[in-house]
Amino acid sequence: KDSRHTLTAAATASLLVMDAWFDVTTSAGGAERA
């Protein structure tokens, strides 16, 4: 119940979006992209 979770949650949300973006945009077509 430490309010500092808001800081790590915000940073982690940004990293997750970035990870999804780069996973999709750098994957080869076909099964890898799917």
PDB file of all heavy atoms in Angstrom:
ATOM      1  N   LYS A   1       0.829  -1.215   0.000  1.00  0.00           N
ATOM      2  CA  LYS A   1       0.000   0.000   0.000  1.00  0.00           C
ATOM      3  C   LYS A   1       0.862   1.264   0.000  1.00  0.00           C
ATOM      4  O   LYS A   1       0.535   2.272   0.610  1.00  0.00           O
ATOM      5  CB  LYS A   1      -0.979  -0.008   1.165  1.00  0.00           C
ATOM      6  CG  LYS A   1      -1.999  -1.128   1.075  1.00  0.00           C
ATOM      7  CD  LYS A   1      -2.935  -1.123   2.231  1.00  0.00           C
ATOM      8  CE  LYS A   1      -4.004  -2.167   2.215  1.00  0.00           C
ATOM      9  NZ  LYS A   1      -3.924  -3.317   1.423  1.00  0.00           N
ATOM     10  N   ASP A   2       1.979   1.203  -0.707  1.00  0.00           N
ATOM     11  CA  ASP A   2       2.908   2.315  -0.834  1.00  0.00           C
ATOM     12  C   ASP A   2       2.524   3.107  -2.083  1.00  0.00           C
ATOM     13  O   ASP A   2       2.448   2.564  -3.179  1.00  0.00           O
ATOM     14  CB  ASP A   2       4.333   1.756  -0.970  1.00  0.00           C
ATOM     15  CG  ASP A   2       5.397   2.826  -0.923  1.00  0.00           C
ATOM     16  OD1 ASP A   2       5.164   3.940  -1.453  1.00  0.00           O
ATOM     17  OD2 ASP A   2       6.474   2.540  -0.383  1.00  0.00           O
ATOM     18  N   SER A   3       2.278   4.394  -1.917  1.00  0.00           N
ATOM     19  CA  SER A   3       1.812   5.212  -3.043  1.00  0.00           C
ATOM     20  C   SER A   3       2.830   5.321  -4.175  1.00  0.00           C
ATOM     21  O   SER A   3       2.477   5.701  -5.281  1.00  0.00           O
ATOM     22  CB  SER A   3       1.441   6.606  -2.553  1.00  0.00           C
ATOM     23  OG  SER A   3       2.587   7.269  -2.085  1.00  0.00           O
ATOM     24  N   ARG A   4       4.077   4.971  -3.909  1.00  0.00           N
ATOM     25  CA  ARG A   4       5.080   5.048  -4.965  1.00  0.00           C
ATOM     26  C   ARG A   4       4.830   4.031  -6.078  1.00  0.00           C
ATOM     27  O   ARG A   4       5.465   4.088  -7.123  1.00  0.00           O
ATOM     28  CB  ARG A   4       6.483   4.897  -4.378  1.00  0.00           C
ATOM     29  CG  ARG A   4       6.871   6.104  -3.522  1.00  0.00           C
ATOM     30  CD  ARG A   4       8.173   5.895  -2.828  1.00  0.00           C
ATOM     31  NE  ARG A   4       8.014   4.820  -1.844  1.00  0.00           N
ATOM     32  CZ  ARG A   4       8.988   4.377  -1.069  1.00  0.00           C
ATOM     33  NH1 ARG A   4      10.186   4.907  -1.164  1.00  0.00           N
ATOM     34  NH2 ARG A   4       8.774   3.419  -0.203  1.00  0.00           N
ATOM     35  N   HIS A   5       3.867   3.128  -5.873  1.00  0.00           N
ATOM     36  CA  HIS A   5       3.525   2.194  -6.949  1.00  0.00           C
ATOM     37  C   HIS A   5       3.027   2.947  -8.180  1.00  0.00           C
ATOM     38  O   HIS A   5       3.136   2.447  -9.291  1.00  0.00           O
ATOM     39  CB  HIS A   5       2.476   1.169  -6.488  1.00  0.00           C
ATOM     40  CG  HIS A   5       1.081   1.705  -6.449  1.00  0.00           C
ATOM     41  ND1 HIS A   5       0.585   2.390  -5.364  1.00  0.00           N
ATOM     42  CD2 HIS A   5       0.093   1.674  -7.368  1.00  0.00           C
ATOM     43  CE1 HIS A   5      -0.666   2.759  -5.628  1.00  0.00           C
ATOM     44  NE2 HIS A   5      -0.984   2.330  -6.832  1.00  0.00           N
ATOM     45  N   THR A   6       2.525   4.161  -7.979  1.00  0.00           N
ATOM     46  CA  THR A   6       2.051   4.936  -9.127  1.00  0.00           C
ATOM     47  C   THR A   6       3.190   5.264 -10.085  1.00  0.00           C
ATOM     48  O   THR A   6       3.001   5.285 -11.300  1.00  0.00           O
ATOM     49  CB  THR A   6       1.376   6.242  -8.669  1.00  0.00           C
ATOM     50  OG1 THR A   6       2.302   7.008  -7.903  1.00  0.00           O
ATOM     51  CG2 THR A   6       0.139   5.959  -7.834  1.00  0.00           C
ATOM     52  N   LEU A   7       4.374   5.502  -9.541  1.00  0.00           N
ATOM     53  CA  LEU A   7       5.534   5.825 -10.378  1.00  0.00           C
ATOM     54  C   LEU A   7       5.984   4.616 -11.185  1.00  0.00           C
ATOM     55  O   LEU A   7       6.202   4.708 -12.393  1.00  0.00           O
ATOM     56  CB  LEU A   7       6.684   6.340  -9.511  1.00  0.00           C
ATOM     57  CG  LEU A   7       6.388   7.582  -8.676  1.00  0.00           C
ATOM     58  CD1 LEU A   7       7.536   7.856  -7.714  1.00  0.00           C
ATOM     59  CD2 LEU A   7       6.121   8.763  -9.574  1.00  0.00           C
ATOM     60  N   THR A   8       6.124   3.472 -10.509  1.00  0.00           N
ATOM     61  CA  THR A   8       6.578   2.277 -11.221  1.00  0.00           C
ATOM     62  C   THR A   8       5.506   1.783 -12.184  1.00  0.00           C
ATOM     63  O   THR A   8       5.825   1.285 -13.262  1.00  0.00           O
ATOM     64  CB  THR A   8       6.986   1.158 -10.238  1.00  0.00           C
ATOM     65  OG1 THR A   8       5.878   0.835  -9.404  1.00  0.00           O
ATOM     66  CG2 THR A   8       8.177   1.585  -9.394  1.00  0.00           C
ATOM     67  N   ALA A   9       4.247   1.943 -11.817  1.00  0.00           N
ATOM     68  CA  ALA A   9       3.160   1.525 -12.704  1.00  0.00           C
ATOM     69  C   ALA A   9       3.154   2.354 -13.988  1.00  0.00           C
ATOM     70  O   ALA A   9       2.981   1.817 -15.088  1.00  0.00           O
ATOM     71  CB  ALA A   9       1.811   1.627 -11.994  1.00  0.00           C
ATOM     72  N   ALA A  10       3.361   3.663 -13.860  1.00  0.00           N
ATOM     73  CA  ALA A  10       3.382   4.530 -15.045  1.00  0.00           C
ATOM     74  C   ALA A  10       4.557   4.179 -15.957  1.00  0.00           C
ATOM     75  O   ALA A  10       4.396   4.074 -17.186  1.00  0.00           O
ATOM     76  CB  ALA A  10       3.454   5.998 -14.623  1.00  0.00           C
ATOM     77  N   ALA A  11       5.727   3.985 -15.373  1.00  0.00           N
ATOM     78  CA  ALA A  11       6.903   3.631 -16.172  1.00  0.00           C
ATOM     79  C   ALA A  11       6.713   2.266 -16.834  1.00  0.00           C
ATOM     80  O   ALA A  11       7.047   2.079 -18.015  1.00  0.00           O
ATOM     81  CB  ALA A  11       8.149   3.629 -15.295  1.00  0.00           C
ATOM     82  N   THR A  12       6.165   1.316 -16.102  1.00  0.00           N
ATOM     83  CA  THR A  12       5.968  -0.028 -16.644  1.00  0.00           C
ATOM     84  C   THR A  12       4.936  -0.015 -17.760  1.00  0.00           C
ATOM     85  O   THR A  12       5.101  -0.716 -18.769  1.00  0.00           O
ATOM     86  CB  THR A  12       5.565  -1.000 -15.520  1.00  0.00           C
ATOM     87  OG1 THR A  12       6.566  -0.949 -14.495  1.00  0.00           O
ATOM     88  CG2 THR A  12       5.436  -2.422 -16.030  1.00  0.00           C
ATOM     89  N   ALA A  13       3.887   0.775 -17.619  1.00  0.00           N
ATOM     90  CA  ALA A  13       2.889   0.891 -18.689  1.00  0.00           C
ATOM     91  C   ALA A  13       3.551   1.389 -19.969  1.00  0.00           C
ATOM     92  O   ALA A  13       3.302   0.856 -21.057  1.00  0.00           O
ATOM     93  CB  ALA A  13       1.759   1.828 -18.266  1.00  0.00           C
ATOM     94  N   SER A  14       4.409   2.386 -19.842  1.00  0.00           N
ATOM     95  CA  SER A  14       5.112   2.923 -21.017  1.00  0.00           C
ATOM     96  C   SER A  14       6.012   1.863 -21.646  1.00  0.00           C
ATOM     97  O   SER A  14       6.040   1.703 -22.872  1.00  0.00           O
ATOM     98  CB  SER A  14       5.953   4.131 -20.626  1.00  0.00           C
ATOM     99  OG  SER A  14       5.138   5.154 -20.128  1.00  0.00           O
ATOM    100  N   LEU A  15       6.740   1.134 -20.812  1.00  0.00           N
ATOM    101  CA  LEU A  15       7.620   0.083 -21.342  1.00  0.00           C
ATOM    102  C   LEU A  15       6.827  -1.028 -22.026  1.00  0.00           C
ATOM    103  O   LEU A  15       7.254  -1.562 -23.054  1.00  0.00           O
ATOM    104  CB  LEU A  15       8.467  -0.513 -20.212  1.00  0.00           C
ATOM    105  CG  LEU A  15       9.613   0.346 -19.696  1.00  0.00           C
ATOM    106  CD1 LEU A  15      10.222  -0.277 -18.443  1.00  0.00           C
ATOM    107  CD2 LEU A  15      10.669   0.530 -20.772  1.00  0.00           C
ATOM    108  N   LEU A  16       5.672  -1.383 -21.484  1.00  0.00           N
ATOM    109  CA  LEU A  16       4.852  -2.430 -22.098  1.00  0.00           C
ATOM    110  C   LEU A  16       4.336  -2.009 -23.468  1.00  0.00           C
ATOM    111  O   LEU A  16       4.326  -2.804 -24.407  1.00  0.00           O
ATOM    112  CB  LEU A  16       3.693  -2.802 -21.174  1.00  0.00           C
ATOM    113  CG  LEU A  16       4.065  -3.688 -19.990  1.00  0.00           C
ATOM    114  CD1 LEU A  16       3.001  -3.610 -18.896  1.00  0.00           C
ATOM    115  CD2 LEU A  16       4.284  -5.121 -20.454  1.00  0.00           C
ATOM    116  N   VAL A  17       3.905  -0.757 -23.597  1.00  0.00           N
ATOM    117  CA  VAL A  17       3.455  -0.259 -24.897  1.00  0.00           C
ATOM    118  C   VAL A  17       4.620  -0.252 -25.884  1.00  0.00           C
ATOM    119  O   VAL A  17       4.482  -0.665 -27.045  1.00  0.00           O
ATOM    120  CB  VAL A  17       2.813   1.142 -24.768  1.00  0.00           C
ATOM    121  CG1 VAL A  17       2.549   1.766 -26.131  1.00  0.00           C
ATOM    122  CG2 VAL A  17       1.520   1.052 -23.966  1.00  0.00           C
ATOM    123  N   MET A  18       5.776   0.197 -25.429  1.00  0.00           N
ATOM    124  CA  MET A  18       6.960   0.212 -26.282  1.00  0.00           C
ATOM    125  C   MET A  18       7.336  -1.203 -26.704  1.00  0.00           C
ATOM    126  O   MET A  18       7.653  -1.452 -27.870  1.00  0.00           O
ATOM    127  CB  MET A  18       8.128   0.870 -25.537  1.00  0.00           C
ATOM    128  CG  MET A  18       9.372   1.031 -26.388  1.00  0.00           C
ATOM    129  SD  MET A  18      10.705   1.844 -25.497  1.00  0.00           S
ATOM    130  CE  MET A  18      11.247   0.534 -24.433  1.00  0.00           C
ATOM    131  N   ASP A  19       7.281  -2.151 -25.788  1.00  0.00           N
ATOM    132  CA  ASP A  19       7.602  -3.540 -26.097  1.00  0.00           C
ATOM    133  C   ASP A  19       6.640  -4.091 -27.141  1.00  0.00           C
ATOM    134  O   ASP A  19       7.063  -4.735 -28.112  1.00  0.00           O
ATOM    135  CB  ASP A  19       7.559  -4.383 -24.822  1.00  0.00           C
ATOM    136  CG  ASP A  19       8.058  -5.797 -25.038  1.00  0.00           C
ATOM    137  OD1 ASP A  19       9.029  -5.977 -25.802  1.00  0.00           O
ATOM    138  OD2 ASP A  19       7.490  -6.728 -24.435  1.00  0.00           O
ATOM    139  N   ALA A  20       5.352  -3.828 -26.975  1.00  0.00           N
ATOM    140  CA  ALA A  20       4.360  -4.298 -27.950  1.00  0.00           C
ATOM    141  C   ALA A  20       4.639  -3.688 -29.325  1.00  0.00           C
ATOM    142  O   ALA A  20       4.596  -4.387 -30.348  1.00  0.00           O
ATOM    143  CB  ALA A  20       2.952  -3.945 -27.481  1.00  0.00           C
ATOM    144  N   TRP A  21       4.919  -2.394 -29.344  1.00  0.00           N
ATOM    145  CA  TRP A  21       5.195  -1.704 -30.608  1.00  0.00           C
ATOM    146  C   TRP A  21       6.381  -2.334 -31.331  1.00  0.00           C
ATOM    147  O   TRP A  21       6.307  -2.673 -32.508  1.00  0.00           O
ATOM    148  CB  TRP A  21       5.459  -0.225 -30.339  1.00  0.00           C
ATOM    149  CG  TRP A  21       5.911   0.536 -31.543  1.00  0.00           C
ATOM    150  CD1 TRP A  21       7.193   0.850 -31.882  1.00  0.00           C
ATOM    151  CD2 TRP A  21       5.089   1.055 -32.581  1.00  0.00           C
ATOM    152  NE1 TRP A  21       7.223   1.545 -33.058  1.00  0.00           N
ATOM    153  CE2 TRP A  21       5.940   1.688 -33.511  1.00  0.00           C
ATOM    154  CE3 TRP A  21       3.717   1.071 -32.808  1.00  0.00           C
ATOM    155  CZ2 TRP A  21       5.456   2.306 -34.656  1.00  0.00           C
ATOM    156  CZ3 TRP A  21       3.235   1.696 -33.942  1.00  0.00           C
ATOM    157  CH2 TRP A  21       4.106   2.303 -34.854  1.00  0.00           C
ATOM    158  N   PHE A  22       7.486  -2.491 -30.628  1.00  0.00           N
ATOM    159  CA  PHE A  22       8.681  -3.028 -31.267  1.00  0.00           C
ATOM    160  C   PHE A  22       8.546  -4.515 -31.587  1.00  0.00           C
ATOM    161  O   PHE A  22       9.073  -4.973 -32.596  1.00  0.00           O
ATOM    162  CB  PHE A  22       9.932  -2.732 -30.439  1.00  0.00           C
ATOM    163  CG  PHE A  22      10.380  -1.311 -30.577  1.00  0.00           C
ATOM    164  CD1 PHE A  22      10.250  -0.428 -29.528  1.00  0.00           C
ATOM    165  CD2 PHE A  22      10.900  -0.844 -31.776  1.00  0.00           C
ATOM    166  CE1 PHE A  22      10.640   0.901 -29.675  1.00  0.00           C
ATOM    167  CE2 PHE A  22      11.292   0.479 -31.931  1.00  0.00           C
ATOM    168  CZ  PHE A  22      11.166   1.354 -30.875  1.00  0.00           C
ATOM    169  N   ASP A  23       7.836  -5.274 -30.768  1.00  0.00           N
ATOM    170  CA  ASP A  23       7.597  -6.681 -31.094  1.00  0.00           C
ATOM    171  C   ASP A  23       6.870  -6.808 -32.426  1.00  0.00           C
ATOM    172  O   ASP A  23       7.237  -7.614 -33.278  1.00  0.00           O
ATOM    173  CB  ASP A  23       6.768  -7.377 -30.006  1.00  0.00           C
ATOM    174  CG  ASP A  23       7.572  -7.743 -28.783  1.00  0.00           C
ATOM    175  OD1 ASP A  23       8.812  -7.729 -28.841  1.00  0.00           O
ATOM    176  OD2 ASP A  23       6.941  -8.060 -27.743  1.00  0.00           O
ATOM    177  N   VAL A  24       5.822  -6.017 -32.593  1.00  0.00           N
ATOM    178  CA  VAL A  24       5.009  -6.111 -33.809  1.00  0.00           C
ATOM    179  C   VAL A  24       5.759  -5.545 -35.014  1.00  0.00           C
ATOM    180  O   VAL A  24       5.797  -6.159 -36.080  1.00  0.00           O
ATOM    181  CB  VAL A  24       3.644  -5.406 -33.615  1.00  0.00           C
ATOM    182  CG1 VAL A  24       2.880  -5.305 -34.928  1.00  0.00           C
ATOM    183  CG2 VAL A  24       2.816  -6.163 -32.574  1.00  0.00           C
ATOM    184  N   THR A  25       6.367  -4.375 -34.844  1.00  0.00           N
ATOM    185  CA  THR A  25       6.977  -3.730 -36.013  1.00  0.00           C
ATOM    186  C   THR A  25       8.292  -4.364 -36.447  1.00  0.00           C
ATOM    187  O   THR A  25       8.707  -4.189 -37.592  1.00  0.00           O
ATOM    188  CB  THR A  25       7.210  -2.221 -35.764  1.00  0.00           C
ATOM    189  OG1 THR A  25       8.058  -2.049 -34.634  1.00  0.00           O
ATOM    190  CG2 THR A  25       5.888  -1.497 -35.571  1.00  0.00           C
ATOM    191  N   THR A  26       8.965  -5.102 -35.562  1.00  0.00           N
ATOM    192  CA  THR A  26      10.229  -5.731 -35.964  1.00  0.00           C
ATOM    193  C   THR A  26      10.072  -7.216 -36.281  1.00  0.00           C
ATOM    194  O   THR A  26      11.041  -7.867 -36.658  1.00  0.00           O
ATOM    195  CB  THR A  26      11.311  -5.574 -34.872  1.00  0.00           C
ATOM    196  OG1 THR A  26      10.884  -6.229 -33.683  1.00  0.00           O
ATOM    197  CG2 THR A  26      11.617  -4.103 -34.612  1.00  0.00           C
ATOM    198  N   SER A  27       8.871  -7.746 -36.137  1.00  0.00           N
ATOM    199  CA  SER A  27       8.684  -9.175 -36.418  1.00  0.00           C
ATOM    200  C   SER A  27       8.592  -9.407 -37.922  1.00  0.00           C
ATOM    201  O   SER A  27       8.139  -8.548 -38.681  1.00  0.00           O
ATOM    202  CB  SER A  27       7.424  -9.691 -35.729  1.00  0.00           C
ATOM    203  OG  SER A  27       6.277  -9.040 -36.235  1.00  0.00           O
ATOM    204  N   ALA A  28       9.035 -10.610 -38.333  1.00  0.00           N
ATOM    205  CA  ALA A  28       8.892 -11.007 -39.739  1.00  0.00           C
ATOM    206  C   ALA A  28       7.407 -11.293 -39.981  1.00  0.00           C
ATOM    207  O   ALA A  28       6.629 -11.465 -39.047  1.00  0.00           O
ATOM    208  CB  ALA A  28       9.744 -12.243 -40.009  1.00  0.00           C
ATOM    209  N   GLY A  29       7.034 -11.353 -41.212  1.00  0.00           N
ATOM    210  CA  GLY A  29       5.633 -11.633 -41.546  1.00  0.00           C
ATOM    211  C   GLY A  29       5.224 -13.044 -41.156  1.00  0.00           C
ATOM    212  O   GLY A  29       5.997 -13.800 -40.565  1.00  0.00           O
ATOM    213  N   GLY A  30       3.986 -13.380 -41.448  1.00  0.00           N
ATOM    214  CA  GLY A  30       3.482 -14.727 -41.233  1.00  0.00           C
ATOM    215  C   GLY A  30       3.237 -15.043 -39.774  1.00  0.00           C
ATOM    216  O   GLY A  30       2.696 -14.238 -39.012  1.00  0.00           O
ATOM    217  N   ALA A  31       3.670 -16.256 -39.378  1.00  0.00           N
ATOM    218  CA  ALA A  31       3.407 -16.743 -38.023  1.00  0.00           C
ATOM    219  C   ALA A  31       4.091 -15.886 -36.966  1.00  0.00           C
ATOM    220  O   ALA A  31       3.541 -15.663 -35.877  1.00  0.00           O
ATOM    221  CB  ALA A  31       3.865 -18.200 -37.897  1.00  0.00           C
ATOM    222  N   GLU A  32       5.284 -15.371 -37.261  1.00  0.00           N
ATOM    223  CA  GLU A  32       5.996 -14.529 -36.291  1.00  0.00           C
ATOM    224  C   GLU A  32       5.219 -13.241 -36.026  1.00  0.00           C
ATOM    225  O   GLU A  32       5.076 -12.814 -34.883  1.00  0.00           O
ATOM    226  CB  GLU A  32       7.407 -14.206 -36.797  1.00  0.00           C
ATOM    227  CG  GLU A  32       8.255 -13.504 -35.757  1.00  0.00           C
ATOM    228  CD  GLU A  32       9.666 -13.216 -36.237  1.00  0.00           C
ATOM    229  OE1 GLU A  32      10.247 -14.049 -36.956  1.00  0.00           O
ATOM    230  OE2 GLU A  32      10.167 -12.128 -35.891  1.00  0.00           O
ATOM    231  N   ARG A  33       4.697 -12.632 -37.056  1.00  0.00           N
ATOM    232  CA  ARG A  33       3.900 -11.404 -36.879  1.00  0.00           C
ATOM    233  C   ARG A  33       2.604 -11.712 -36.141  1.00  0.00           C
ATOM    234  O   ARG A  33       2.197 -10.953 -35.257  1.00  0.00           O
ATOM    235  CB  ARG A  33       3.615 -10.774 -38.246  1.00  0.00           C
ATOM    236  CG  ARG A  33       2.651  -9.613 -38.278  1.00  0.00           C
ATOM    237  CD  ARG A  33       3.217  -8.246 -37.863  1.00  0.00           C
ATOM    238  NE  ARG A  33       4.533  -7.938 -38.285  1.00  0.00           N
ATOM    239  CZ  ARG A  33       4.889  -7.382 -39.457  1.00  0.00           C
ATOM    240  NH1 ARG A  33       3.972  -7.096 -40.344  1.00  0.00           N
ATOM    241  NH2 ARG A  33       6.134  -7.127 -39.719  1.00  0.00           N
ATOM    242  N   ALA A  34       1.959 -12.833 -36.482  1.00  0.00           N
ATOM    243  CA  ALA A  34       0.705 -13.208 -35.813  1.00  0.00           C
ATOM    244  C   ALA A  34       0.938 -13.419 -34.313  1.00  0.00           C
ATOM    245  O   ALA A  34       0.121 -13.000 -33.483  1.00  0.00           O
ATOM    246  CB  ALA A  34       0.119 -14.464 -36.445  1.00  0.00           C
TER     247      ALA A  34
END
